[in-house]
């Protein structure tokens, strides 16, 4: 186990055969609300391939170099989190799944004090092990799918924590440090699930 900045007080180890979903809450203090704080609900999927590597989406024209993220994204209003996760998988990777094939790992409630007041989001974290013959293709806003070992996954979390600099998003801006503190936490929860 590596340094756990957030002192996550649970053990997800060997949770694959467990039907329990962990519920976690965390508060952050940020500047301007980052893009994903503007959507209230998200589904993210930790995908493991046949070689035991974990698959992440790269957005070359958005993320800083070396940053990739779990596959998934914002849910539509009133959309079921599992259905939304399946939709995101199909849009971003071409993988078509049926209800019940994803394992829900965690529900992460995040609150953030921002320059525009309090923001609240819920992230539904799912797990899926690719089956033999299933192949992913990058599509939608994903420019590449990256396979990371456990060690590379751990290093990704550290890179999230080290993010800084201002990003201009149309007329809005946000600080990558704010994005990094929230996504390092979410990715660390996913990492704890596999170690």
Protein backbone atom coordinates (compact mmCIF):
# COMPACT_ATOMS: atom_id res chain seq x y z
CA UNK A 1 0.00 0.00 0.00
CA UNK A 2 1.32 3.46 -0.79
CA UNK A 3 0.87 6.69 1.10
CA UNK A 4 -2.87 7.25 1.56
CA UNK A 5 -3.31 11.04 1.66
CA UNK A 6 -7.04 10.72 2.26
CA UNK A 7 -6.87 8.03 4.97
CA UNK A 8 -9.65 6.08 3.33
CA UNK A 9 -11.04 4.08 6.23
CA UNK A 10 -12.14 0.95 4.46
CA UNK A 11 -10.63 -2.07 2.82
CA UNK A 12 -11.93 -3.02 -0.60
CA UNK A 13 -9.37 -5.80 -1.02
CA UNK A 14 -10.86 -8.99 -2.47
CA UNK A 15 -14.25 -7.32 -2.84
CA UNK A 16 -14.86 -9.01 -6.21
CA UNK A 17 -16.98 -11.78 -4.71
CA UNK A 18 -18.76 -9.45 -2.31
CA UNK A 19 -22.13 -7.93 -3.26
CA UNK A 20 -21.65 -4.98 -0.91
CA UNK A 21 -21.39 -1.44 -2.29
CA UNK A 22 -19.21 0.89 -0.21
CA UNK A 23 -20.69 4.36 0.42
CA UNK A 24 -18.17 7.16 0.98
CA UNK A 25 -18.45 10.93 1.51
CA UNK A 26 -15.70 13.53 1.12
CA UNK A 27 -15.58 17.35 1.18
CA UNK A 28 -13.14 19.47 -0.83
CA UNK A 29 -12.38 23.19 -1.01
CA UNK A 30 -11.84 24.35 -4.60
CA UNK A 31 -11.73 27.52 -6.68
CA UNK A 32 -14.02 27.71 -9.69
CA UNK A 33 -16.21 24.62 -10.07
CA UNK A 34 -14.40 22.22 -12.37
CA UNK A 35 -16.40 20.81 -15.27
CA UNK A 36 -17.55 17.64 -13.53
CA UNK A 37 -18.78 19.55 -10.49
CA UNK A 38 -21.34 21.11 -12.81
CA UNK A 39 -22.99 17.70 -13.39
CA UNK A 40 -24.60 16.14 -10.36
CA UNK A 41 -24.14 12.43 -11.06
CA UNK A 42 -21.45 10.35 -12.79
CA UNK A 43 -20.76 6.71 -13.49
CA UNK A 44 -17.14 5.61 -13.85
CA UNK A 45 -15.99 2.10 -14.71
CA UNK A 46 -12.80 0.34 -13.66
CA UNK A 47 -12.16 -2.09 -16.53
CA UNK A 48 -9.66 -4.93 -16.14
CA UNK A 49 -8.34 -6.66 -19.25
CA UNK A 50 -7.33 -10.33 -19.64
CA UNK A 51 -3.69 -9.51 -18.79
CA UNK A 52 -4.61 -7.92 -15.45
CA UNK A 53 -4.11 -4.34 -16.62
CA UNK A 54 -6.63 -1.56 -16.07
CA UNK A 55 -8.08 0.51 -18.91
CA UNK A 56 -8.37 4.28 -18.88
CA UNK A 57 -9.55 6.89 -21.35
CA UNK A 58 -7.21 9.54 -22.68
CA UNK A 59 -8.45 12.92 -23.89
CA UNK A 60 -5.43 14.32 -25.71
CA UNK A 61 -6.97 17.74 -26.34
CA UNK A 62 -8.10 18.17 -22.73
CA UNK A 63 -6.08 16.33 -20.07
CA UNK A 64 -2.50 17.34 -19.31
CA UNK A 65 0.18 14.96 -20.56
CA UNK A 66 0.31 11.76 -18.54
CA UNK A 67 -3.26 12.06 -17.24
CA UNK A 68 -5.92 9.51 -18.14
CA UNK A 69 -9.19 8.78 -16.39
CA UNK A 70 -11.54 5.91 -15.68
CA UNK A 71 -13.99 5.33 -18.53
CA UNK A 72 -17.39 6.94 -17.98
CA UNK A 73 -18.96 10.31 -17.49
CA UNK A 74 -21.97 12.33 -16.51
CA UNK A 75 -25.41 10.80 -16.16
CA UNK A 76 -28.48 12.23 -17.83
CA UNK A 77 -31.19 13.56 -15.53
CA UNK A 78 -33.09 10.69 -13.88
CA UNK A 79 -30.84 8.11 -15.60
CA UNK A 80 -30.16 4.93 -13.63
CA UNK A 81 -26.44 4.79 -12.72
CA UNK A 82 -25.92 1.28 -14.14
CA UNK A 83 -27.74 2.14 -17.39
CA UNK A 84 -25.65 5.32 -17.60
CA UNK A 85 -22.45 3.34 -17.05
CA UNK A 86 -23.46 0.93 -19.83
CA UNK A 87 -24.26 3.88 -22.12
CA UNK A 88 -20.90 5.53 -21.38
CA UNK A 89 -19.08 2.24 -22.04
CA UNK A 90 -20.83 1.87 -25.40
CA UNK A 91 -20.18 5.52 -26.37
CA UNK A 92 -16.52 5.61 -25.32
CA UNK A 93 -15.36 2.04 -26.02
CA UNK A 94 -17.93 0.34 -28.25
CA UNK A 95 -18.54 -2.31 -25.55
CA UNK A 96 -22.20 -3.34 -25.33
CA UNK A 97 -23.22 -4.85 -21.99
CA UNK A 98 -26.49 -5.97 -20.47
CA UNK A 99 -27.88 -5.08 -17.06
CA UNK A 100 -26.23 -7.06 -14.29
CA UNK A 101 -22.82 -7.44 -15.96
CA UNK A 102 -21.22 -4.52 -14.10
CA UNK A 103 -20.35 -4.80 -10.42
CA UNK A 104 -21.10 -1.66 -8.42
CA UNK A 105 -18.14 -1.06 -6.12
CA UNK A 106 -18.77 2.32 -4.48
CA UNK A 107 -21.04 5.33 -4.30
CA UNK A 108 -18.91 8.39 -3.65
CA UNK A 109 -20.66 11.55 -2.45
CA UNK A 110 -18.51 14.62 -2.99
CA UNK A 111 -19.21 18.12 -1.75
CA UNK A 112 -17.05 21.08 -2.66
CA UNK A 113 -16.88 24.64 -1.41
CA UNK A 114 -16.26 26.69 -4.58
CA UNK A 115 -16.19 30.33 -5.62
CA UNK A 116 -19.78 29.76 -6.78
CA UNK A 117 -21.05 28.19 -3.56
CA UNK A 118 -21.45 24.58 -2.49
CA UNK A 119 -21.51 21.91 -5.23
CA UNK A 120 -22.50 18.30 -4.76
CA UNK A 121 -21.90 15.28 -6.98
CA UNK A 122 -22.31 11.54 -6.66
CA UNK A 123 -19.94 9.20 -8.46
CA UNK A 124 -21.04 5.60 -8.98
CA UNK A 125 -17.97 3.40 -9.37
CA UNK A 126 -18.36 0.11 -11.27
CA UNK A 127 -15.99 -2.75 -12.10
CA UNK A 128 -15.91 -4.94 -15.20
CA UNK A 129 -13.49 -7.72 -16.22
CA UNK A 130 -13.18 -7.98 -20.00
CA UNK A 131 -14.17 -11.39 -21.31
CA UNK A 132 -12.15 -13.30 -23.89
CA UNK A 133 -12.84 -11.91 -27.35
CA UNK A 134 -14.13 -8.54 -26.11
CA UNK A 135 -12.24 -5.67 -27.66
CA UNK A 136 -12.51 -1.97 -26.98
CA UNK A 137 -12.27 0.86 -29.48
CA UNK A 138 -11.94 4.48 -28.48
CA UNK A 139 -14.77 6.73 -29.57
CA UNK A 140 -16.80 9.78 -28.51
CA UNK A 141 -14.46 12.19 -26.67
CA UNK A 142 -11.83 9.53 -25.89
CA UNK A 143 -8.69 9.82 -28.06
CA UNK A 144 -7.07 6.60 -26.83
CA UNK A 145 -7.54 3.73 -24.38
CA UNK A 146 -4.51 3.13 -22.17
CA UNK A 147 -3.76 -0.10 -20.30
CA UNK A 148 -1.97 0.46 -16.97
CA UNK A 149 -0.41 -2.01 -14.57
CA UNK A 150 -1.14 -1.68 -10.85
CA UNK A 151 2.11 0.24 -10.39
CA UNK A 152 1.26 2.60 -13.26
CA UNK A 153 -2.24 3.03 -11.79
CA UNK A 154 -0.67 4.00 -8.44
CA UNK A 155 1.59 6.51 -10.23
CA UNK A 156 -1.44 7.98 -12.02
CA UNK A 157 -3.00 8.80 -8.63
CA UNK A 158 0.20 10.60 -7.64
CA UNK A 159 0.18 12.55 -10.95
CA UNK A 160 -3.42 13.64 -10.23
CA UNK A 161 -2.26 14.95 -6.84
CA UNK A 162 0.56 16.90 -8.50
CA UNK A 163 -1.60 18.63 -11.13
CA UNK A 164 -1.53 22.42 -11.24
CA UNK A 165 -2.10 25.27 -13.65
CA UNK A 166 -5.15 27.02 -15.02
CA UNK A 167 -7.28 25.45 -17.76
CA UNK A 168 -9.52 27.59 -19.93
CA UNK A 169 -12.77 25.90 -20.84
CA UNK A 170 -14.63 28.26 -23.17
CA UNK A 171 -15.44 31.34 -21.12
CA UNK A 172 -14.79 29.48 -17.85
CA UNK A 173 -11.52 28.51 -16.22
CA UNK A 174 -10.57 26.07 -13.50
CA UNK A 175 -7.42 25.06 -11.69
CA UNK A 176 -6.03 21.60 -12.49
CA UNK A 177 -5.10 21.31 -8.79
CA UNK A 178 -8.82 21.28 -7.93
CA UNK A 179 -9.50 18.64 -10.59
CA UNK A 180 -6.54 16.59 -9.37
CA UNK A 181 -7.53 16.52 -5.72
CA UNK A 182 -11.00 15.19 -6.54
CA UNK A 183 -9.92 12.67 -9.18
CA UNK A 184 -6.93 11.41 -7.18
CA UNK A 185 -9.43 10.56 -4.43
CA UNK A 186 -11.85 8.80 -6.82
CA UNK A 187 -9.04 6.86 -8.51
CA UNK A 188 -7.54 5.89 -5.16
CA UNK A 189 -10.87 4.33 -4.18
CA UNK A 190 -10.80 2.34 -7.44
CA UNK A 191 -7.16 1.36 -6.77
CA UNK A 192 -7.98 0.18 -3.25
CA UNK A 193 -10.54 -2.14 -4.80
CA UNK A 194 -7.86 -4.07 -6.73
CA UNK A 195 -5.03 -4.30 -4.18
